[in-house]
Amino acid sequence: MDTPLSTIAVVGLGTMGTGIAEVLALAGREVIGIDISEAAALGAVASLEASTARAVGRGRITEEERAAALARFRTADTLRAAADAELVIEVVPESYEIKQQVFRELDAIVSPTTILATGTNALSVTRLAAESQRPERVLGLHFFNPAPAMKLVEVVSSVLTAPPAVESVTRLARELGKEPVAVGDRPGFVADGLLFGYLNQAAAMYEANYASREDIDAAMKLGCGLPMGPLALLDLIGIDTARTVLEAMYAESHDRLHAPAPILGQLSSAGLTGRKAGRGFYTYDAPGGQDVVPDALTPAAGAEAGAGREVASVGVAGSGTMASGIAEVFAKAGYGVVLAARTQEKADLAKGRIAKSLERSVSKGRLSAEARDETLARITAAGSLDAFAEVDLAVEAVAEDLEIKQQLFAALDKVCRPGAVLATTTSSLPVVAIARATARPEDVIGMHFFNPAPAMKLVEVVRTVLTADDVHATVRAVCAKIRKHPVDCGDRAGFIVNALLFPYLNNAIKMVEQHYASLDDIDAAMKLGGGYPMGPFELLDVVGLDVSLAIEKVLHKEFRDPGLAPAPLLEHLVAAGCLGRKTGRGFREYARR
């Protein structure tokens, strides 16, 4: 039943079909591109000629290799041209009716041993296979756009698929220089299954006026290292396409996280489908354009909410990695910093950690020895909060425990001078509950730095219903001076980053619980298909499973959505003491240092 797959037909010569055809032709396969549209066929030939010419110009292939690849590609306007193909890959529109019609016609044309692959990312492969006379030869072969550049290929098996067919296309994917991952049949598969839930939540967050489109996108790029923000990515994918995928996912899962945010339907109905229409969440220079142009929602340059308070000195409360990192950031920016811990010894140790960090920067050529000494001289280590008496801004970075933070803010209320701004770095607790521990809640705001603070550019600025306008303006101005990018958000569990990141991580765990895909395949899918710097399980082990579980519980308690309930596997691992890298075992095992 094994098939060499040397002659391959691609049905549908849109962007994806043309890209797949290019990959196949360059890899030595005979490729038949089939499309009922003569314009699409001509466009595919022109695209292949142009892209291979660019590859020659960049030295990636020779002129001889280009000529050979072009000679291996031919087009046709009828499925009868696929008669001799050993593999047919369909990438026609996402419609059961259209795809089933293609498969029914192919059944009467191709050899009984021919493998039929669907490029769907939203429809059931099993349902498509059931319409074929040879369901054991039908599977999913999901490339990612642009196919020549993206390494991931999801190989999707249904309960009807014969293993030799899977083995043949998996081997082909490797020969094409791709990374195949094996997944079961459910809408979205792995990469899109995780990605589109996250995109949907971002759209809902924007629709609720919780944060601006620019702040949502900046938060996920700077806070998670993603190549694009979620709303810009929705515009790139196509808002109508995203809605179709989500509808299919919701029909299967009945999970409210997959129910398309109403704004996706509204934009689609209005024809505002993203880049291809020239307007979606953002406005572009032209239909199909890439450059965002200002519109009515674009923030005015330099616009701030009034004048802030003067800040010359900063107090940082805490002795851990985050506290020392924040103190380093402020000191580098020229502020006088008081670093206070529960004891003088702890404060001195925290300052010593900063000295080592600065020394590493000097050794790497990022900082001069003179700047190192000046920065360290600006930091005063103190064993009591009493040293905060004259600071203009006090930033706490202690344990993520509401009672502990409330006690600290009650102490700051007594110590800090009137008019001092009091900031909490909480990542999950209600800022207003911390503010109410003081007699001046209007002076309290959230400044959520990300770890490691010296390297991460993002600060989530969290104002409560009680925060004064000038306090908000003060913190925005301070962020600019310390060279951080502030994003505004309200006092809601998870703020922006964690509210979007942790449901995605939780859904990845559920995939493993359901034996849908392996840890390695899920991590590979998200790195190769989604552009994530780390796979979800790599990230969970780095963050700490106990920290992740605590944030998941906070999100579930606040939003009361069953889909946000922590995955049982996460709870079991935490109960077993498997907390990630810090304990040597989490989702994976690590060598002890």
Protein backbone atom coordinates (compact mmCIF):
# COMPACT_ATOMS: atom_id res chain seq x y z
CA MET A 1 0.00 0.00 0.00
CA ASP A 2 3.10 2.24 0.21
CA THR A 3 3.17 4.92 -2.50
CA PRO A 4 6.22 6.85 -3.79
CA LEU A 5 4.33 10.17 -4.20
CA SER A 6 6.37 11.43 -7.12
CA THR A 7 3.42 12.90 -9.05
CA ILE A 8 1.15 15.15 -7.01
CA ALA A 9 -1.93 17.15 -7.96
CA VAL A 10 -2.87 20.36 -6.12
CA VAL A 11 -6.54 21.30 -6.49
CA GLY A 12 -7.15 25.01 -5.96
CA LEU A 13 -4.53 27.55 -7.00
CA GLY A 14 -5.12 30.33 -4.55
CA THR A 15 -2.31 31.60 -2.34
CA MET A 16 -2.03 28.39 -0.35
CA GLY A 17 -2.34 26.02 -3.31
CA THR A 18 0.24 27.95 -5.29
CA GLY A 19 2.62 27.94 -2.32
CA ILE A 20 2.24 24.16 -1.86
CA ALA A 21 2.83 23.61 -5.57
CA GLU A 22 6.05 25.66 -5.37
CA VAL A 23 7.34 23.61 -2.44
CA LEU A 24 6.60 20.35 -4.24
CA ALA A 25 8.12 21.42 -7.57
CA LEU A 26 11.32 22.66 -5.94
CA ALA A 27 11.59 19.32 -4.12
CA GLY A 28 11.61 17.37 -7.40
CA ARG A 29 7.96 16.33 -7.63
CA GLU A 30 5.90 16.46 -10.79
CA VAL A 31 3.08 18.86 -9.92
CA ILE A 32 -0.29 19.29 -11.59
CA GLY A 33 -2.02 22.49 -10.50
CA ILE A 34 -5.78 22.30 -11.06
CA ASP A 35 -8.20 25.23 -10.96
CA ILE A 36 -11.39 25.96 -12.90
CA SER A 37 -10.27 29.59 -13.11
CA GLU A 38 -7.90 30.36 -15.97
CA ALA A 39 -6.87 33.55 -14.16
CA ALA A 40 -5.94 31.54 -11.05
CA ALA A 41 -3.86 29.13 -13.14
CA LEU A 42 -2.05 31.96 -14.91
CA GLY A 43 -1.52 33.67 -11.57
CA ALA A 44 0.01 30.50 -10.11
CA VAL A 45 2.47 30.21 -12.99
CA ALA A 46 3.42 33.88 -12.68
CA SER A 47 3.81 33.56 -8.91
CA LEU A 48 6.03 30.49 -9.26
CA GLU A 49 8.17 32.23 -11.88
CA ALA A 50 8.56 35.32 -9.70
CA SER A 51 9.28 33.50 -6.43
CA THR A 52 11.86 31.17 -8.00
CA ALA A 53 13.52 34.15 -9.69
CA ARG A 54 13.84 35.79 -6.26
CA ALA A 55 15.30 32.56 -4.88
CA VAL A 56 17.95 32.58 -7.62
CA GLY A 57 18.72 36.23 -6.90
CA ARG A 58 19.24 35.41 -3.22
CA GLY A 59 21.46 32.45 -4.01
CA ARG A 60 19.09 29.86 -2.60
CA ILE A 61 18.78 27.90 -5.85
CA THR A 62 20.61 27.92 -9.18
CA GLU A 63 19.13 28.99 -12.51
CA GLU A 64 19.21 25.33 -13.59
CA GLU A 65 17.23 24.27 -10.49
CA ARG A 66 14.73 27.02 -11.18
CA ALA A 67 14.24 25.92 -14.78
CA ALA A 68 13.78 22.30 -13.69
CA ALA A 69 11.20 23.25 -11.06
CA LEU A 70 9.20 25.34 -13.54
CA ALA A 71 9.28 22.46 -16.02
CA ARG A 72 7.82 20.13 -13.40
CA PHE A 73 4.77 22.36 -12.87
CA ARG A 74 1.83 22.34 -15.25
CA THR A 75 -1.75 23.54 -14.89
CA ALA A 76 -5.16 22.19 -15.88
CA ASP A 77 -8.79 23.20 -15.51
CA THR A 78 -10.28 19.76 -14.87
CA LEU A 79 -9.87 17.12 -12.19
CA ARG A 80 -9.27 14.54 -14.92
CA ALA A 81 -5.71 15.86 -15.04
CA ALA A 82 -5.14 14.17 -11.65
CA ALA A 83 -5.65 10.68 -13.08
CA ASP A 84 -2.01 9.66 -12.72
CA ALA A 85 -1.32 11.44 -9.41
CA GLU A 86 -0.24 9.37 -6.44
CA LEU A 87 -1.32 12.13 -4.06
CA VAL A 88 -3.98 14.80 -4.50
CA ILE A 89 -4.02 17.77 -2.13
CA GLU A 90 -7.18 19.87 -2.23
CA VAL A 91 -7.12 23.47 -1.01
CA VAL A 92 -10.47 24.66 -2.32
CA PRO A 93 -12.76 26.97 -0.23
CA GLU A 94 -13.70 25.88 3.32
CA SER A 95 -17.05 24.33 2.45
CA TYR A 96 -18.16 20.73 3.03
CA GLU A 97 -20.24 20.85 -0.16
CA ILE A 98 -17.34 22.00 -2.35
CA LYS A 99 -14.75 19.67 -0.81
CA GLN A 100 -17.08 16.63 -0.87
CA GLN A 101 -17.86 17.28 -4.53
CA VAL A 102 -14.11 17.33 -5.28
CA PHE A 103 -13.59 14.02 -3.46
CA ARG A 104 -16.56 12.36 -5.16
CA GLU A 105 -15.25 13.33 -8.59
CA LEU A 106 -11.71 12.24 -7.73
CA ASP A 107 -13.00 8.81 -6.64
CA ALA A 108 -14.01 8.14 -10.25
CA ILE A 109 -10.74 9.43 -11.70
CA VAL A 110 -7.69 8.47 -9.63
CA SER A 111 -6.10 5.10 -8.89
CA PRO A 112 -7.39 3.06 -5.91
CA THR A 113 -3.99 3.56 -4.28
CA THR A 114 -3.97 7.35 -4.62
CA ILE A 115 -3.95 9.26 -1.34
CA LEU A 116 -6.49 12.08 -1.09
CA ALA A 117 -5.50 14.90 1.27
CA THR A 118 -7.56 17.85 2.41
CA GLY A 119 -5.90 21.11 3.33
CA THR A 120 -8.77 22.15 5.60
CA ASN A 121 -8.04 23.77 8.93
CA ALA A 122 -11.64 23.99 10.09
CA LEU A 123 -13.69 21.06 8.75
CA SER A 124 -13.90 17.45 9.89
CA VAL A 125 -11.53 15.16 7.98
CA THR A 126 -13.64 12.20 9.11
CA ARG A 127 -16.79 13.69 7.59
CA LEU A 128 -14.97 14.36 4.33
CA ALA A 129 -13.49 10.85 4.31
CA ALA A 130 -16.90 9.25 4.89
CA GLU A 131 -18.09 10.67 1.56
CA SER A 132 -15.23 8.97 -0.29
CA GLN A 133 -15.25 5.45 -1.69
CA ARG A 134 -11.79 4.97 -0.15
CA PRO A 135 -11.93 6.59 3.30
CA GLU A 136 -8.80 4.72 4.39
CA ARG A 137 -6.82 6.80 1.87
CA VAL A 138 -8.20 10.18 2.99
CA LEU A 139 -6.36 12.33 5.50
CA GLY A 140 -5.57 15.93 6.34
CA LEU A 141 -2.37 17.66 5.21
CA HIS A 142 -2.45 21.14 6.71
CA PHE A 143 0.29 23.46 5.47
CA PHE A 144 0.70 26.94 6.92
CA ASN A 145 0.81 30.20 5.01
CA PRO A 146 3.16 31.08 3.36
CA ALA A 147 3.80 27.43 2.54
CA PRO A 148 7.35 27.91 1.15
CA ALA A 149 8.50 29.57 4.40
CA MET A 150 6.51 27.87 7.15
CA LYS A 151 8.03 24.62 8.41
CA LEU A 152 5.00 23.09 10.09
CA VAL A 153 2.73 20.53 8.44
CA GLU A 154 -0.05 18.93 10.47
CA VAL A 155 -0.78 15.36 9.36
CA VAL A 156 -4.37 14.65 10.37
CA SER A 157 -5.71 11.12 10.74
CA SER A 158 -9.34 10.15 11.07
CA VAL A 159 -10.54 6.90 12.63
CA LEU A 160 -10.77 5.59 9.06
CA THR A 161 -7.27 6.49 7.85
CA ALA A 162 -4.88 3.61 7.07
CA PRO A 163 -1.47 3.95 8.81
CA PRO A 164 0.53 3.41 5.56
CA ALA A 165 -1.13 6.49 4.04
CA VAL A 166 -0.10 8.54 7.08
CA GLU A 167 3.44 7.17 6.88
CA SER A 168 3.70 8.10 3.19
CA VAL A 169 2.67 11.73 3.60
CA THR A 170 4.71 12.10 6.79
CA ARG A 171 7.79 10.94 4.91
CA LEU A 172 6.94 13.32 2.07
CA ALA A 173 6.66 16.25 4.50
CA ARG A 174 10.14 15.50 5.84
CA GLU A 175 11.54 15.24 2.31
CA LEU A 176 10.07 18.68 1.62
CA GLY A 177 12.09 20.06 4.54
CA LYS A 178 9.01 20.41 6.72
CA GLU A 179 8.33 19.36 10.32
CA PRO A 180 5.30 17.05 10.35
CA VAL A 181 3.26 16.65 13.53
CA ALA A 182 0.68 13.92 13.93
CA VAL A 183 -2.73 15.04 15.18
CA GLY A 184 -6.23 13.70 15.46
CA ASP A 185 -9.31 15.04 13.75
CA ARG A 186 -10.88 18.00 15.45
CA PRO A 187 -11.49 21.53 14.14
CA GLY A 188 -8.40 23.66 14.23
CA PHE A 189 -6.16 20.63 14.85
CA VAL A 190 -3.29 21.72 17.15
CA ALA A 191 -1.90 25.07 16.00
CA ASP A 192 -5.15 26.69 14.90
CA GLY A 193 -7.08 24.96 17.67
CA LEU A 194 -4.95 26.80 20.23
CA LEU A 195 -4.33 29.95 18.21
CA PHE A 196 -7.92 30.79 17.28
CA GLY A 197 -9.22 30.48 20.82
CA TYR A 198 -6.60 33.03 21.86
CA LEU A 199 -7.46 35.32 18.93
CA ASN A 200 -11.15 35.09 19.80
CA GLN A 201 -10.49 36.11 23.41
CA ALA A 202 -8.44 39.08 22.22
CA ALA A 203 -11.30 40.20 19.95
CA ALA A 204 -13.75 39.89 22.86
CA MET A 205 -11.39 41.89 25.10
CA TYR A 206 -11.27 44.68 22.52
CA GLU A 207 -15.04 44.55 21.99
CA ALA A 208 -15.55 45.06 25.72
CA ASN A 209 -13.53 48.31 25.53
CA TYR A 210 -11.18 46.86 28.13
CA ALA A 211 -8.07 47.99 26.25
CA SER A 212 -7.25 49.64 22.94
CA ARG A 213 -6.32 47.58 19.89
CA GLU A 214 -2.80 49.05 20.01
CA ASP A 215 -2.35 48.15 23.68
CA ILE A 216 -3.68 44.61 23.27
CA ASP A 217 -1.31 43.97 20.37
CA ALA A 218 1.68 45.63 22.04
CA ALA A 219 1.07 43.68 25.26
CA MET A 220 1.19 40.29 23.54
CA LYS A 221 4.19 41.18 21.37
CA LEU A 222 6.26 42.64 24.20
CA GLY A 223 4.95 40.45 27.02
CA CYS A 224 5.11 37.11 25.19
CA GLY A 225 7.60 37.72 22.40
CA LEU A 226 5.03 37.08 19.66
CA PRO A 227 5.78 38.30 16.14
CA MET A 228 2.35 39.93 15.80
CA GLY A 229 -0.40 41.09 18.10
CA PRO A 230 -3.68 39.12 17.99
CA LEU A 231 -5.81 41.82 16.32
CA ALA A 232 -3.21 42.52 13.63
CA LEU A 233 -2.99 38.76 13.08
CA LEU A 234 -6.77 38.49 12.69
CA ASP A 235 -6.56 41.18 10.01
CA LEU A 236 -3.83 39.19 8.25
CA ILE A 237 -5.68 35.87 8.41
CA GLY A 238 -9.00 37.42 7.41
CA ILE A 239 -11.69 38.13 9.98
CA ASP A 240 -14.24 36.14 7.97
CA THR A 241 -11.87 33.16 7.80
CA ALA A 242 -11.25 33.34 11.54
CA ARG A 243 -14.96 33.41 12.23
CA THR A 244 -15.49 30.32 10.03
CA VAL A 245 -12.81 28.40 11.92
CA LEU A 246 -14.24 29.43 15.28
CA GLU A 247 -17.76 28.44 14.26
CA ALA A 248 -16.47 24.96 13.37
CA MET A 249 -14.56 24.71 16.65
CA TYR A 250 -17.55 25.81 18.69
CA ALA A 251 -19.86 23.34 16.91
CA GLU A 252 -17.48 20.58 17.99
CA SER A 253 -16.46 21.72 21.49
CA HIS A 254 -19.44 23.80 22.71
CA ASP A 255 -16.79 25.70 24.65
CA ARG A 256 -17.73 29.36 25.10
CA LEU A 257 -14.09 30.30 24.53
CA HIS A 258 -14.62 29.20 20.90
CA ALA A 259 -17.95 30.97 20.38
CA PRO A 260 -17.00 33.73 17.91
CA ALA A 261 -16.92 37.17 19.50
CA PRO A 262 -19.83 39.17 18.05
CA ILE A 263 -17.46 41.80 16.67
CA LEU A 264 -16.03 39.19 14.27
CA GLY A 265 -19.48 38.70 12.76
CA GLN A 266 -20.16 42.43 12.66
CA LEU A 267 -16.90 43.21 10.87
CA SER A 268 -17.39 40.31 8.44
CA SER A 269 -20.95 41.37 7.62
CA ALA A 270 -19.74 44.90 6.96
CA GLY A 271 -17.05 43.61 4.57
CA LEU A 272 -14.29 44.78 6.94
CA THR A 273 -12.43 41.50 6.77
CA GLY A 274 -8.89 42.72 7.38
CA ARG A 275 -5.94 43.46 5.14
CA LYS A 276 -7.54 41.98 2.05
CA ALA A 277 -10.39 44.51 2.34
CA GLY A 278 -8.16 47.40 3.40
CA ARG A 279 -9.85 47.59 6.78
CA GLY A 280 -10.55 45.34 9.74
CA PHE A 281 -9.47 46.06 13.28
CA TYR A 282 -7.00 48.48 11.68
CA THR A 283 -7.13 50.54 8.48
CA TYR A 284 -4.60 49.84 5.71
CA ASP A 285 -3.17 51.88 2.85
CA ALA A 286 -5.11 49.83 0.27
CA PRO A 287 -7.01 46.54 -0.06
CA GLY A 288 -4.33 43.88 0.28
CA GLY A 289 -1.94 46.45 1.72
CA GLN A 290 0.38 45.83 4.67
CA ASP A 291 0.89 49.35 6.00
CA VAL A 292 -1.43 50.55 8.77
CA VAL A 293 -2.65 54.11 8.30
CA PRO A 294 -4.17 56.37 10.98
CA ASP A 295 -7.92 56.32 11.43
CA ALA A 296 -10.46 57.69 13.91
CA LEU A 297 -9.31 55.20 16.58
CA THR A 298 -5.59 55.89 16.28
CA PRO A 299 -4.24 57.53 19.48
CA ALA A 300 -2.96 61.04 18.98
CA ALA A 301 0.83 61.24 19.16
CA GLY A 302 2.01 62.27 22.61
CA ALA A 303 -1.51 62.42 24.03
CA GLU A 304 -1.49 61.85 27.80
CA ALA A 305 -4.19 62.20 30.43
CA GLY A 306 -3.08 65.51 31.92
CA ALA A 307 -0.06 66.46 33.98
CA GLY A 308 1.46 64.06 36.46
CA ARG A 309 3.34 64.39 39.73
CA GLU A 310 7.06 64.96 40.03
CA VAL A 311 9.07 61.78 40.63
CA ALA A 312 12.74 62.04 41.58
CA SER A 313 13.12 59.13 44.01
CA VAL A 314 11.69 55.63 44.01
CA GLY A 315 11.24 53.02 46.71
CA VAL A 316 11.13 49.32 45.79
CA ALA A 317 9.80 46.91 48.43
CA GLY A 318 10.94 43.30 48.21
CA SER A 319 14.10 41.23 48.01
CA GLY A 320 13.38 38.73 45.24
CA THR A 321 14.33 38.63 41.57
CA MET A 322 11.52 40.94 40.49
CA ALA A 323 12.23 43.55 43.17
CA SER A 324 15.95 43.66 42.39
CA GLY A 325 15.22 43.81 38.66
CA ILE A 326 12.83 46.74 39.07
CA ALA A 327 15.30 48.57 41.30
CA GLU A 328 18.00 48.08 38.64
CA VAL A 329 15.70 49.49 35.95
CA PHE A 330 14.95 52.66 37.93
CA ALA A 331 18.56 53.18 38.96
CA LYS A 332 19.79 52.81 35.36
CA ALA A 333 17.29 55.51 34.35
CA GLY A 334 18.82 57.96 36.84
CA TYR A 335 16.41 57.68 39.74
CA GLY A 336 17.56 57.52 43.35
CA VAL A 337 16.31 54.14 44.58
CA VAL A 338 15.65 52.82 48.08
CA LEU A 339 15.51 49.02 48.02
CA ALA A 340 13.79 47.89 51.23
CA ALA A 341 13.41 44.34 52.50
CA ARG A 342 12.28 42.80 55.78
CA THR A 343 15.85 42.78 57.06
CA GLN A 344 19.02 44.64 56.22
CA GLU A 345 20.67 41.35 55.28
CA LYS A 346 17.97 40.56 52.70
CA ALA A 347 18.21 44.07 51.27
CA ASP A 348 22.00 43.79 50.98
CA LEU A 349 21.66 40.44 49.23
CA ALA A 350 19.17 41.97 46.76
CA LYS A 351 21.58 44.83 46.04
CA GLY A 352 24.32 42.25 45.55
CA ARG A 353 22.15 40.54 42.96
CA ILE A 354 21.87 43.86 41.12
CA ALA A 355 25.67 44.28 41.25
CA LYS A 356 26.11 40.86 39.60
CA SER A 357 23.55 41.73 36.93
CA LEU A 358 25.30 45.00 36.15
CA GLU A 359 28.66 43.20 36.02
CA ARG A 360 27.26 40.78 33.44
CA SER A 361 26.14 43.75 31.35
CA VAL A 362 29.66 45.20 31.53
CA SER A 363 31.24 41.89 30.51
CA LYS A 364 28.91 41.71 27.48
CA GLY A 365 29.74 45.27 26.44
CA ARG A 366 26.23 46.57 27.11
CA LEU A 367 27.24 48.87 29.95
CA SER A 368 30.38 50.79 30.81
CA ALA A 369 32.15 50.29 34.12
CA GLU A 370 31.47 53.93 34.94
CA ALA A 371 27.72 53.53 34.30
CA ARG A 372 27.73 50.37 36.44
CA ASP A 373 29.27 52.22 39.38
CA GLU A 374 26.92 55.20 38.99
CA THR A 375 23.88 52.92 38.83
CA LEU A 376 24.87 50.97 41.93
CA ALA A 377 25.61 54.18 43.83
CA ARG A 378 22.02 55.35 43.25
CA ILE A 379 20.66 52.32 45.17
CA THR A 380 20.34 52.38 48.95
CA ALA A 381 19.61 49.08 50.66
CA ALA A 382 17.35 49.37 53.71
CA GLY A 383 16.00 46.88 56.23
CA SER A 384 12.76 48.75 56.86
CA LEU A 385 9.99 50.52 54.97
CA ASP A 386 10.70 53.56 57.12
CA ALA A 387 13.33 54.45 54.50
CA PHE A 388 10.44 55.25 52.10
CA ALA A 389 9.50 58.40 54.02
CA GLU A 390 10.56 60.81 51.27
CA VAL A 391 10.17 58.74 48.07
CA ASP A 392 7.89 60.03 45.33
CA LEU A 393 6.94 56.58 44.02
CA ALA A 394 6.81 53.35 46.03
CA VAL A 395 6.66 50.07 44.08
CA GLU A 396 6.01 46.80 45.86
CA ALA A 397 7.27 43.49 44.51
CA VAL A 398 6.56 41.03 47.31
CA ALA A 399 4.77 37.67 47.38
CA GLU A 400 1.64 37.27 45.24
CA ASP A 401 -0.62 37.04 48.26
CA LEU A 402 -3.46 39.51 48.84
CA GLU A 403 -3.15 39.59 52.62
CA ILE A 404 0.60 40.19 52.49
CA LYS A 405 0.20 42.99 49.96
CA GLN A 406 -2.61 44.61 51.93
CA GLN A 407 -0.47 44.60 55.06
CA LEU A 408 2.41 46.16 53.14
CA PHE A 409 0.23 48.89 51.64
CA ALA A 410 -1.21 49.69 55.05
CA ALA A 411 2.38 50.19 56.19
CA LEU A 412 3.23 52.30 53.13
CA ASP A 413 0.19 54.48 53.86
CA LYS A 414 1.69 55.37 57.23
CA VAL A 415 5.31 55.78 56.03
CA CYS A 416 5.10 57.50 52.63
CA ARG A 417 4.59 61.22 52.40
CA PRO A 418 1.26 62.67 51.19
CA GLY A 419 1.15 62.75 47.40
CA ALA A 420 3.50 59.80 46.90
CA VAL A 421 2.30 57.32 44.27
CA LEU A 422 1.91 53.74 45.54
CA ALA A 423 2.22 51.00 42.92
CA THR A 424 1.73 47.24 43.08
CA THR A 425 3.35 44.80 40.67
CA THR A 426 0.64 42.16 41.11
CA SER A 427 -0.04 40.00 38.09
CA SER A 428 -3.36 38.54 39.18
CA LEU A 429 -4.77 40.16 42.32
CA PRO A 430 -7.38 42.99 42.34
CA VAL A 431 -5.52 46.27 42.62
CA VAL A 432 -8.54 47.98 44.21
CA ALA A 433 -8.51 45.47 47.08
CA ILE A 434 -4.89 46.43 47.72
CA ALA A 435 -5.68 50.14 47.40
CA ARG A 436 -8.48 49.91 49.97
CA ALA A 437 -5.91 48.88 52.57
CA THR A 438 -4.80 52.53 52.51
CA ALA A 439 -6.53 55.77 53.40
CA ARG A 440 -5.60 57.13 49.96
CA PRO A 441 -6.79 54.63 47.32
CA GLU A 442 -6.67 57.41 44.71
CA ASP A 443 -2.85 57.28 44.94
CA VAL A 444 -2.68 53.53 44.22
CA ILE A 445 -2.13 52.01 40.77
CA GLY A 446 -0.85 48.78 39.25
CA MET A 447 2.55 48.64 37.51
CA HIS A 448 2.88 45.07 36.28
CA PHE A 449 6.47 44.54 35.18
CA PHE A 450 7.48 41.33 33.41
CA ASN A 451 10.37 39.08 34.37
CA PRO A 452 13.27 39.72 33.89
CA ALA A 453 12.43 43.39 34.45
CA PRO A 454 15.70 44.80 33.00
CA ALA A 455 15.08 43.00 29.68
CA MET A 456 11.29 43.00 29.26
CA LYS A 457 9.93 46.22 27.75
CA LEU A 458 6.29 45.90 28.79
CA VAL A 459 4.55 47.42 31.81
CA GLU A 460 0.80 46.94 32.25
CA VAL A 461 -0.56 50.12 33.86
CA VAL A 462 -3.62 49.12 35.84
CA ARG A 463 -5.91 51.86 37.11
CA THR A 464 -8.81 51.16 39.41
CA VAL A 465 -12.10 53.02 39.57
CA LEU A 466 -10.52 55.05 42.39
CA THR A 467 -7.15 55.90 40.80
CA ALA A 468 -6.59 59.63 40.26
CA ASP A 469 -5.92 60.91 36.75
CA ASP A 470 -2.63 62.53 37.74
CA VAL A 471 -1.43 59.25 39.28
CA HIS A 472 -2.11 57.51 35.98
CA ALA A 473 -0.32 60.27 34.06
CA THR A 474 2.62 60.06 36.48
CA VAL A 475 3.12 56.35 35.93
CA ARG A 476 2.85 56.70 32.14
CA ALA A 477 5.56 59.39 32.23
CA VAL A 478 7.77 57.29 34.49
CA CYS A 479 7.45 54.32 32.10
CA ALA A 480 8.70 56.50 29.27
CA LYS A 481 11.70 57.64 31.33
CA ILE A 482 12.69 54.06 32.24
CA ARG A 483 12.27 53.09 28.57
CA LYS A 484 9.37 50.74 29.07
CA HIS A 485 6.25 50.50 26.91
CA PRO A 486 3.13 51.14 29.01
CA VAL A 487 -0.22 49.62 28.08
CA ASP A 488 -3.39 50.73 29.84
CA CYS A 489 -5.89 48.25 31.19
CA GLY A 490 -8.57 48.06 33.84
CA ASP A 491 -8.47 46.26 37.17
CA ARG A 492 -9.57 42.84 35.97
CA ALA A 493 -8.06 39.40 36.59
CA GLY A 494 -5.08 38.69 34.35
CA PHE A 495 -5.03 42.23 32.96
CA ILE A 496 -4.11 41.81 29.25
CA VAL A 497 -1.25 39.33 28.94
CA ASN A 498 -2.18 36.71 31.52
CA ALA A 499 -5.88 36.91 30.61
CA LEU A 500 -5.00 35.90 27.04
CA LEU A 501 -1.96 33.70 27.70
CA PHE A 502 -3.17 31.34 30.40
CA PRO A 503 -6.41 30.11 28.77
CA TYR A 504 -4.23 29.21 25.76
CA LEU A 505 -1.82 27.30 28.03
CA ASN A 506 -4.73 25.60 29.79
CA ASN A 507 -6.20 24.46 26.45
CA ALA A 508 -2.83 22.98 25.47
CA ILE A 509 -2.86 20.90 28.67
CA LYS A 510 -6.38 19.70 27.86
CA MET A 511 -5.15 18.49 24.45
CA VAL A 512 -2.60 16.27 26.20
CA GLU A 513 -5.20 15.07 28.73
CA GLN A 514 -7.40 13.98 25.84
CA HIS A 515 -4.48 12.16 24.17
CA TYR A 516 -5.03 14.32 21.13
CA ALA A 517 -1.37 15.15 20.55
CA SER A 518 1.95 14.79 22.35
CA LEU A 519 3.78 17.46 24.35
CA ASP A 520 6.51 17.61 21.74
CA ASP A 521 4.12 17.89 18.81
CA ILE A 522 2.09 20.64 20.49
CA ASP A 523 5.23 22.62 21.35
CA ALA A 524 6.56 22.18 17.82
CA ALA A 525 3.22 23.19 16.29
CA MET A 526 3.04 26.45 18.20
CA LYS A 527 6.65 27.40 17.57
CA LEU A 528 6.64 26.50 13.88
CA GLY A 529 3.02 27.31 13.04
CA GLY A 530 2.28 30.18 15.41
CA GLY A 531 5.68 31.87 15.68
CA TYR A 532 5.76 31.47 19.46
CA PRO A 533 9.26 31.73 20.96
CA MET A 534 8.45 28.79 23.26
CA GLY A 535 5.93 26.00 23.08
CA PRO A 536 3.19 26.00 25.76
CA PHE A 537 4.75 23.21 27.82
CA GLU A 538 8.20 24.73 27.68
CA LEU A 539 6.68 27.99 28.91
CA LEU A 540 4.61 26.34 31.65
CA ASP A 541 7.70 24.64 33.04
CA VAL A 542 9.63 27.92 33.00
CA VAL A 543 6.84 29.97 34.62
CA GLY A 544 6.19 27.29 37.22
CA LEU A 545 3.17 25.02 37.33
CA ASP A 546 2.16 26.30 40.77
CA VAL A 547 2.23 29.91 39.53
CA SER A 548 0.29 28.91 36.42
CA LEU A 549 -2.34 27.08 38.46
CA ALA A 550 -2.79 30.07 40.77
CA ILE A 551 -3.40 32.39 37.81
CA GLU A 552 -5.80 29.91 36.20
CA LYS A 553 -7.79 29.76 39.43
CA VAL A 554 -7.99 33.55 39.64
CA LEU A 555 -9.23 33.78 36.04
CA HIS A 556 -11.80 31.05 36.59
CA LYS A 557 -13.05 32.64 39.81
CA GLU A 558 -13.45 36.07 38.23
CA PHE A 559 -14.99 35.16 34.87
CA ARG A 560 -16.91 32.03 35.98
CA ASP A 561 -16.43 30.46 32.56
CA PRO A 562 -16.28 26.63 32.67
CA GLY A 563 -13.72 26.72 29.85
CA LEU A 564 -11.31 28.53 32.18
CA ALA A 565 -11.38 25.83 34.86
CA PRO A 566 -7.80 24.63 35.42
CA ALA A 567 -7.02 21.38 33.61
CA PRO A 568 -7.00 18.48 36.11
CA LEU A 569 -3.58 17.37 34.86
CA LEU A 570 -2.12 20.72 35.95
CA GLU A 571 -3.66 20.35 39.40
CA HIS A 572 -2.36 16.79 39.73
CA LEU A 573 1.20 17.76 38.80
CA VAL A 574 1.20 20.64 41.29
CA ALA A 575 -0.17 18.36 44.01
CA ALA A 576 2.67 15.94 43.27
CA GLY A 577 5.26 18.71 43.66
CA CYS A 578 6.15 18.67 39.96
CA LEU A 579 6.36 22.44 39.49
CA GLY A 580 8.59 22.73 36.42
CA ARG A 581 12.23 23.60 36.00
CA LYS A 582 12.61 24.85 39.57
CA THR A 583 11.90 21.37 40.95
CA GLY A 584 13.53 19.40 38.14
CA ARG A 585 10.24 18.02 36.89
CA GLY A 586 7.06 19.46 35.46
CA PHE A 587 5.62 18.39 32.13
CA ARG A 588 9.17 17.30 31.35
CA GLU A 589 12.12 16.22 33.47
CA TYR A 590 15.23 18.40 33.82
CA ALA A 591 18.76 17.69 34.94
CA ARG A 592 19.45 18.82 38.49
CA ARG A 593 22.04 21.57 38.77
